[in-house]
Amino acid sequence: MQLQSLFEIIRKVQEKHPSFATRMAEAQALGRWETAVGLMIAKHSKAIRVYDSILWVEVEHPIWRSELHYRKKQILDILNGKAPGPITFLTPENQLLKDIIKDIQYIDPKSGPKLSTPWGKFKKRKKFFK
């Protein structure tokens, strides 16, 4: 039996399950939140999940929410790989995935979100800001 690289295994899983490629791209976009907004804003906000192509972000204060809203287009471009640089999302067929994140919703971590999902309502999270 020949050992396969992790990359090859992931590629085969993506071929067998096409939605896996989209979920991987969403996870990569979620992980790039700090890069997209910068260290200062990242200290006051946290990307918590992607649901139905919408990124849900907890924001500590309305002033930071306003700043994020003002920069939404720029942030979406970075998260979706449209900004200059090495950020790209490819399907197993090497086709560029477009608009992985279509919108960003900002929520107050103290009051909790107003979103129902197939898994039920978001649970109120413990405060993550210190």
N, C-alpha and C. Protein backbone atom coordinates (compact mmCIF):
# COMPACT_ATOMS: atom_id res chain seq x y z
N MET A 1 0.85 -1.19 0.00
CA MET A 1 0.00 0.00 0.00
C MET A 1 0.89 1.25 0.00
N GLN A 2 0.59 2.13 -0.90
CA GLN A 2 1.39 3.35 -1.04
C GLN A 2 0.82 4.46 -0.14
N LEU A 3 1.71 5.17 0.52
CA LEU A 3 1.29 6.28 1.36
C LEU A 3 0.90 7.46 0.48
N GLN A 4 -0.21 8.08 0.82
CA GLN A 4 -0.68 9.24 0.07
C GLN A 4 -0.49 10.49 0.93
N SER A 5 -0.25 11.59 0.24
CA SER A 5 -0.13 12.84 0.98
C SER A 5 -1.53 13.29 1.43
N LEU A 6 -1.56 14.08 2.45
CA LEU A 6 -2.83 14.60 2.95
C LEU A 6 -3.55 15.40 1.87
N PHE A 7 -2.77 16.12 1.07
CA PHE A 7 -3.36 16.91 -0.02
C PHE A 7 -4.11 16.01 -1.00
N GLU A 8 -3.53 14.87 -1.35
CA GLU A 8 -4.17 13.93 -2.27
C GLU A 8 -5.45 13.35 -1.68
N ILE A 9 -5.42 13.04 -0.39
CA ILE A 9 -6.60 12.49 0.27
C ILE A 9 -7.72 13.52 0.27
N ILE A 10 -7.39 14.77 0.61
CA ILE A 10 -8.41 15.83 0.61
C ILE A 10 -8.96 16.05 -0.78
N ARG A 11 -8.10 16.03 -1.80
CA ARG A 11 -8.55 16.21 -3.19
C ARG A 11 -9.54 15.11 -3.58
N LYS A 12 -9.27 13.88 -3.20
CA LYS A 12 -10.16 12.77 -3.52
C LYS A 12 -11.50 12.90 -2.80
N VAL A 13 -11.46 13.34 -1.55
CA VAL A 13 -12.71 13.55 -0.81
C VAL A 13 -13.52 14.67 -1.47
N GLN A 14 -12.86 15.73 -1.91
CA GLN A 14 -13.56 16.82 -2.58
C GLN A 14 -14.20 16.36 -3.88
N GLU A 15 -13.52 15.46 -4.60
CA GLU A 15 -14.10 14.94 -5.84
C GLU A 15 -15.34 14.10 -5.56
N LYS A 16 -15.28 13.33 -4.50
CA LYS A 16 -16.40 12.46 -4.16
C LYS A 16 -17.56 13.23 -3.54
N HIS A 17 -17.24 14.28 -2.79
CA HIS A 17 -18.25 15.10 -2.11
C HIS A 17 -18.02 16.57 -2.47
N PRO A 18 -18.65 17.07 -3.53
CA PRO A 18 -18.39 18.45 -4.00
C PRO A 18 -18.67 19.54 -2.96
N SER A 19 -19.62 19.33 -2.07
CA SER A 19 -19.91 20.36 -1.07
C SER A 19 -18.76 20.50 -0.07
N PHE A 20 -17.91 19.49 0.03
CA PHE A 20 -16.76 19.55 0.92
C PHE A 20 -15.81 20.68 0.52
N ALA A 21 -15.65 20.89 -0.81
CA ALA A 21 -14.78 21.97 -1.30
C ALA A 21 -15.29 23.33 -0.83
N THR A 22 -16.60 23.50 -0.87
CA THR A 22 -17.18 24.76 -0.42
C THR A 22 -16.97 24.94 1.08
N ARG A 23 -17.19 23.89 1.86
CA ARG A 23 -17.00 23.99 3.31
C ARG A 23 -15.55 24.27 3.66
N MET A 24 -14.62 23.67 2.92
CA MET A 24 -13.19 23.94 3.15
C MET A 24 -12.88 25.40 2.87
N ALA A 25 -13.44 25.94 1.78
CA ALA A 25 -13.21 27.34 1.43
C ALA A 25 -13.81 28.26 2.50
N GLU A 26 -14.98 27.90 3.02
CA GLU A 26 -15.59 28.70 4.09
C GLU A 26 -14.71 28.69 5.34
N ALA A 27 -14.16 27.54 5.67
CA ALA A 27 -13.28 27.44 6.84
C ALA A 27 -12.01 28.27 6.64
N GLN A 28 -11.47 28.25 5.42
CA GLN A 28 -10.28 29.05 5.13
C GLN A 28 -10.61 30.54 5.25
N ALA A 29 -11.76 30.94 4.74
CA ALA A 29 -12.17 32.35 4.83
C ALA A 29 -12.35 32.76 6.29
N LEU A 30 -12.96 31.90 7.08
CA LEU A 30 -13.15 32.18 8.50
C LEU A 30 -11.81 32.35 9.20
N GLY A 31 -10.84 31.54 8.82
CA GLY A 31 -9.51 31.64 9.41
C GLY A 31 -8.74 32.88 8.99
N ARG A 32 -9.17 33.54 7.92
CA ARG A 32 -8.49 34.74 7.44
C ARG A 32 -9.11 36.03 7.99
N TRP A 33 -9.99 35.91 8.95
CA TRP A 33 -10.65 37.09 9.50
C TRP A 33 -9.64 38.11 10.02
N GLU A 34 -8.69 37.67 10.81
CA GLU A 34 -7.71 38.59 11.39
C GLU A 34 -6.90 39.29 10.30
N THR A 35 -6.53 38.59 9.26
CA THR A 35 -5.80 39.19 8.15
C THR A 35 -6.66 40.22 7.42
N ALA A 36 -7.94 39.91 7.26
CA ALA A 36 -8.84 40.78 6.51
C ALA A 36 -9.12 42.09 7.23
N VAL A 37 -9.23 42.05 8.56
CA VAL A 37 -9.62 43.26 9.30
C VAL A 37 -8.45 43.95 10.00
N GLY A 38 -7.35 43.24 10.18
CA GLY A 38 -6.21 43.82 10.89
C GLY A 38 -6.25 43.46 12.37
N LEU A 39 -5.10 43.58 13.01
CA LEU A 39 -4.98 43.17 14.41
C LEU A 39 -5.84 43.98 15.37
N MET A 40 -5.90 45.29 15.15
CA MET A 40 -6.64 46.16 16.07
C MET A 40 -8.13 45.80 16.10
N ILE A 41 -8.74 45.68 14.91
CA ILE A 41 -10.17 45.36 14.86
C ILE A 41 -10.40 43.91 15.30
N ALA A 42 -9.46 43.02 14.97
CA ALA A 42 -9.61 41.61 15.36
C ALA A 42 -9.64 41.44 16.88
N LYS A 43 -9.02 42.36 17.61
CA LYS A 43 -9.06 42.30 19.08
C LYS A 43 -10.47 42.57 19.61
N HIS A 44 -11.28 43.26 18.82
CA HIS A 44 -12.61 43.66 19.26
C HIS A 44 -13.73 42.96 18.51
N SER A 45 -13.38 41.96 17.71
CA SER A 45 -14.38 41.22 16.96
C SER A 45 -13.92 39.78 16.79
N LYS A 46 -14.88 38.90 16.53
CA LYS A 46 -14.53 37.49 16.33
C LYS A 46 -15.50 36.88 15.33
N ALA A 47 -14.95 36.34 14.23
CA ALA A 47 -15.77 35.61 13.26
C ALA A 47 -16.12 34.27 13.88
N ILE A 48 -17.41 33.99 14.04
CA ILE A 48 -17.79 32.78 14.76
C ILE A 48 -18.27 31.65 13.87
N ARG A 49 -18.92 31.93 12.74
CA ARG A 49 -19.37 30.85 11.87
C ARG A 49 -19.83 31.38 10.53
N VAL A 50 -19.89 30.47 9.56
CA VAL A 50 -20.47 30.76 8.25
C VAL A 50 -21.71 29.90 8.14
N TYR A 51 -22.82 30.53 7.84
CA TYR A 51 -24.07 29.81 7.65
C TYR A 51 -24.78 30.40 6.43
N ASP A 52 -25.05 29.55 5.45
CA ASP A 52 -25.75 29.95 4.23
C ASP A 52 -25.02 31.11 3.54
N SER A 53 -23.71 31.01 3.43
CA SER A 53 -22.82 31.99 2.78
C SER A 53 -22.78 33.34 3.50
N ILE A 54 -23.23 33.38 4.74
CA ILE A 54 -23.19 34.60 5.54
C ILE A 54 -22.23 34.37 6.70
N LEU A 55 -21.29 35.27 6.84
CA LEU A 55 -20.33 35.21 7.94
C LEU A 55 -20.92 35.96 9.13
N TRP A 56 -21.00 35.27 10.28
CA TRP A 56 -21.51 35.87 11.50
C TRP A 56 -20.34 36.26 12.38
N VAL A 57 -20.33 37.54 12.79
CA VAL A 57 -19.21 38.10 13.53
C VAL A 57 -19.72 38.75 14.81
N GLU A 58 -19.12 38.38 15.93
CA GLU A 58 -19.42 39.06 17.19
C GLU A 58 -18.55 40.30 17.28
N VAL A 59 -19.18 41.43 17.57
CA VAL A 59 -18.46 42.71 17.65
C VAL A 59 -18.72 43.31 19.01
N GLU A 60 -17.63 43.73 19.65
CA GLU A 60 -17.66 44.18 21.03
C GLU A 60 -18.44 45.49 21.24
N HIS A 61 -18.37 46.43 20.32
CA HIS A 61 -18.93 47.76 20.55
C HIS A 61 -19.50 48.31 19.24
N PRO A 62 -20.56 49.14 19.31
CA PRO A 62 -21.14 49.71 18.09
C PRO A 62 -20.15 50.51 17.23
N ILE A 63 -19.16 51.12 17.84
CA ILE A 63 -18.18 51.87 17.05
C ILE A 63 -17.39 50.93 16.16
N TRP A 64 -17.00 49.77 16.68
CA TRP A 64 -16.28 48.79 15.86
C TRP A 64 -17.20 48.21 14.80
N ARG A 65 -18.47 48.00 15.15
CA ARG A 65 -19.44 47.50 14.17
C ARG A 65 -19.59 48.48 13.01
N SER A 66 -19.61 49.77 13.35
CA SER A 66 -19.70 50.80 12.32
C SER A 66 -18.48 50.77 11.39
N GLU A 67 -17.29 50.64 11.96
CA GLU A 67 -16.07 50.55 11.17
C GLU A 67 -16.09 49.33 10.25
N LEU A 68 -16.53 48.20 10.78
CA LEU A 68 -16.61 46.98 9.98
C LEU A 68 -17.64 47.12 8.86
N HIS A 69 -18.76 47.75 9.18
CA HIS A 69 -19.78 47.96 8.16
C HIS A 69 -19.26 48.85 7.03
N TYR A 70 -18.52 49.87 7.39
CA TYR A 70 -17.93 50.78 6.41
C TYR A 70 -16.95 50.05 5.49
N ARG A 71 -16.22 49.08 6.03
CA ARG A 71 -15.20 48.35 5.27
C ARG A 71 -15.70 47.00 4.73
N LYS A 72 -17.00 46.75 4.78
CA LYS A 72 -17.55 45.44 4.43
C LYS A 72 -17.12 44.95 3.05
N LYS A 73 -17.20 45.79 2.04
CA LYS A 73 -16.83 45.39 0.67
C LYS A 73 -15.37 44.96 0.62
N GLN A 74 -14.50 45.74 1.23
CA GLN A 74 -13.07 45.42 1.26
C GLN A 74 -12.83 44.08 1.98
N ILE A 75 -13.49 43.88 3.09
CA ILE A 75 -13.33 42.65 3.86
C ILE A 75 -13.83 41.45 3.05
N LEU A 76 -15.00 41.59 2.41
CA LEU A 76 -15.53 40.51 1.58
C LEU A 76 -14.58 40.15 0.45
N ASP A 77 -14.00 41.17 -0.18
CA ASP A 77 -13.04 40.91 -1.26
C ASP A 77 -11.84 40.11 -0.76
N ILE A 78 -11.33 40.44 0.41
CA ILE A 78 -10.19 39.71 0.96
C ILE A 78 -10.59 38.28 1.34
N LEU A 79 -11.73 38.13 1.99
CA LEU A 79 -12.17 36.80 2.40
C LEU A 79 -12.48 35.90 1.21
N ASN A 80 -12.98 36.49 0.12
CA ASN A 80 -13.32 35.71 -1.08
C ASN A 80 -12.16 35.55 -2.04
N GLY A 81 -11.00 36.07 -1.69
CA GLY A 81 -9.84 35.88 -2.54
C GLY A 81 -9.77 36.78 -3.74
N LYS A 82 -10.54 37.88 -3.76
CA LYS A 82 -10.52 38.80 -4.89
C LYS A 82 -9.44 39.87 -4.75
N ALA A 83 -8.93 40.02 -3.55
CA ALA A 83 -7.88 41.01 -3.31
C ALA A 83 -6.57 40.47 -3.86
N PRO A 84 -5.65 41.35 -4.23
CA PRO A 84 -4.35 40.87 -4.71
C PRO A 84 -3.64 40.05 -3.64
N GLY A 85 -3.03 38.98 -4.05
CA GLY A 85 -2.29 38.15 -3.11
C GLY A 85 -2.54 36.68 -3.36
N PRO A 86 -2.02 35.84 -2.49
CA PRO A 86 -2.07 34.40 -2.71
C PRO A 86 -3.35 33.71 -2.23
N ILE A 87 -4.43 34.46 -1.98
CA ILE A 87 -5.65 33.86 -1.46
C ILE A 87 -6.52 33.42 -2.63
N THR A 88 -6.67 32.13 -2.84
CA THR A 88 -7.57 31.61 -3.87
C THR A 88 -8.24 30.36 -3.34
N PHE A 89 -9.44 30.11 -3.82
CA PHE A 89 -10.18 28.92 -3.45
C PHE A 89 -10.44 28.14 -4.73
N LEU A 90 -9.96 26.91 -4.80
CA LEU A 90 -10.12 26.10 -6.00
C LEU A 90 -10.94 24.86 -5.69
N THR A 91 -11.79 24.48 -6.66
CA THR A 91 -12.53 23.23 -6.55
C THR A 91 -11.61 22.12 -7.02
N PRO A 92 -12.02 20.86 -6.88
CA PRO A 92 -11.18 19.78 -7.38
C PRO A 92 -10.89 19.87 -8.87
N GLU A 93 -11.77 20.50 -9.62
CA GLU A 93 -11.55 20.66 -11.06
C GLU A 93 -10.71 21.91 -11.35
N ASN A 94 -10.13 22.53 -10.32
CA ASN A 94 -9.31 23.74 -10.42
C ASN A 94 -10.09 24.92 -10.99
N GLN A 95 -11.36 25.00 -10.66
CA GLN A 95 -12.15 26.16 -11.04
C GLN A 95 -12.26 27.06 -9.81
N LEU A 96 -12.09 28.34 -10.03
CA LEU A 96 -12.13 29.29 -8.92
C LEU A 96 -13.54 29.36 -8.34
N LEU A 97 -13.64 29.19 -7.03
CA LEU A 97 -14.93 29.36 -6.36
C LEU A 97 -15.18 30.85 -6.19
N LYS A 98 -16.39 31.29 -6.48
CA LYS A 98 -16.69 32.72 -6.41
C LYS A 98 -17.64 32.99 -5.26
N ASP A 99 -17.37 34.07 -4.58
CA ASP A 99 -18.23 34.55 -3.50
C ASP A 99 -18.58 33.47 -2.49
N ILE A 100 -17.58 32.95 -1.85
CA ILE A 100 -17.79 31.99 -0.77
C ILE A 100 -18.58 32.66 0.35
N ILE A 101 -18.19 33.87 0.71
CA ILE A 101 -18.90 34.66 1.71
C ILE A 101 -19.64 35.77 0.96
N LYS A 102 -20.98 35.76 1.04
CA LYS A 102 -21.78 36.74 0.30
C LYS A 102 -22.15 37.96 1.14
N ASP A 103 -22.16 37.78 2.46
CA ASP A 103 -22.54 38.89 3.33
C ASP A 103 -21.92 38.67 4.70
N ILE A 104 -21.89 39.73 5.47
CA ILE A 104 -21.39 39.66 6.84
C ILE A 104 -22.46 40.26 7.75
N GLN A 105 -22.80 39.55 8.79
CA GLN A 105 -23.74 40.04 9.79
C GLN A 105 -23.00 40.22 11.10
N TYR A 106 -23.24 41.35 11.75
CA TYR A 106 -22.56 41.67 12.99
C TYR A 106 -23.54 41.54 14.14
N ILE A 107 -23.10 40.87 15.19
CA ILE A 107 -23.97 40.67 16.35
C ILE A 107 -23.25 41.08 17.62
N ASP A 108 -24.03 41.40 18.62
CA ASP A 108 -23.50 41.79 19.93
C ASP A 108 -23.33 40.52 20.76
N PRO A 109 -22.13 40.23 21.24
CA PRO A 109 -21.94 39.00 22.01
C PRO A 109 -22.70 38.99 23.34
N LYS A 110 -23.09 40.15 23.84
CA LYS A 110 -23.80 40.22 25.11
C LYS A 110 -25.26 39.83 24.97
N SER A 111 -25.91 40.29 23.89
CA SER A 111 -27.34 40.03 23.73
C SER A 111 -27.60 38.74 22.96
N GLY A 112 -26.61 38.24 22.21
CA GLY A 112 -26.80 37.01 21.44
C GLY A 112 -27.46 37.30 20.11
N PRO A 113 -27.31 36.43 19.16
CA PRO A 113 -27.85 36.63 17.82
C PRO A 113 -29.34 36.36 17.76
N LYS A 114 -29.96 36.82 16.70
CA LYS A 114 -31.38 36.64 16.47
C LYS A 114 -31.58 35.72 15.26
N LEU A 115 -30.79 34.67 15.16
CA LEU A 115 -30.82 33.80 14.00
C LEU A 115 -31.19 32.39 14.39
N SER A 116 -32.14 31.81 13.67
CA SER A 116 -32.45 30.40 13.85
C SER A 116 -31.79 29.64 12.71
N THR A 117 -31.24 28.50 13.02
CA THR A 117 -30.60 27.65 12.03
C THR A 117 -31.25 26.28 12.09
N PRO A 118 -30.92 25.40 11.17
CA PRO A 118 -31.47 24.04 11.27
C PRO A 118 -31.08 23.34 12.56
N TRP A 119 -30.00 23.80 13.20
CA TRP A 119 -29.54 23.20 14.44
C TRP A 119 -30.13 23.89 15.65
N GLY A 120 -31.03 24.83 15.43
CA GLY A 120 -31.61 25.57 16.55
C GLY A 120 -31.00 26.96 16.64
N LYS A 121 -31.36 27.68 17.67
CA LYS A 121 -30.83 29.03 17.84
C LYS A 121 -29.38 28.96 18.27
N PHE A 122 -28.64 30.01 17.89
CA PHE A 122 -27.28 30.11 18.40
C PHE A 122 -27.35 30.14 19.91
N LYS A 123 -26.46 29.49 20.54
CA LYS A 123 -26.40 29.56 22.00
C LYS A 123 -25.62 30.79 22.40
N LYS A 124 -26.04 31.39 23.47
CA LYS A 124 -25.33 32.56 23.95
C LYS A 124 -23.93 32.14 24.37
N ARG A 125 -22.96 32.81 23.82
CA ARG A 125 -21.57 32.45 24.07
C ARG A 125 -21.04 33.22 25.26
N LYS A 126 -20.07 32.64 25.91
CA LYS A 126 -19.40 33.36 26.98
C LYS A 126 -18.64 34.52 26.38
N LYS A 127 -18.54 35.56 27.12
CA LYS A 127 -17.83 36.74 26.65
C LYS A 127 -16.36 36.36 26.39
N PHE A 128 -15.89 36.65 25.16
CA PHE A 128 -14.52 36.27 24.84
C PHE A 128 -13.56 37.45 24.89
N PHE A 129 -14.08 38.64 25.16
CA PHE A 129 -13.22 39.81 25.23
C PHE A 129 -12.76 39.97 26.68
N LYS A 130 -11.55 40.40 26.83
CA LYS A 130 -11.02 40.59 28.18
C LYS A 130 -10.84 42.04 28.50
